[in-house]
Amino acid sequence: MKKLNDVYTSNYLSKIVVKEKNKYFFIKTHEIKFIKCSSYYAEIYTLKNAKYVHRISSMGDLYLKLDPSNFLRVNRSSIINLNEIKEVVSEGMGDFSIVMNDNTSFSLSKKYKKNVLHDLEIKQ
């Protein structure tokens, strides 16, 4: 398992320091496709199809560290990179899913729907 430490520039996270055994390297946040969280762990998926596990205090805290012009929280456990969205699909009954360029799909929860659709400039 890989250990991650945050590196900050300005108010938002710009890089993540990844430690593997005795080496450190950097993941730039713009190279993140999406993040899935479960309990106190975040699975970070990159454009290079790598996955890293990061211990977090909370999903909300992690989201606040990411630049909102690049990332959206779409449900309780998922944050996506806006630049990696392929399409938004209306599932009927007011439900939506977001499909990424790699065809990974995320359900848009009712709690985040209004803000996400507004940020994506989608009118219902």
Foldseek 3Di string as FASTA:
>chain_A
DKEWDFDDDDQATQWIWIDDDHDIDIDGPLQWFKWFDDDQWIWTAGVVRDTDIYGHPAPVVNVSRHDPLQWDDQDRTMIGGPVFWDDWDDPPPRWIWTAGVVRDIGTRDPVRVVVVCVSVVHDD
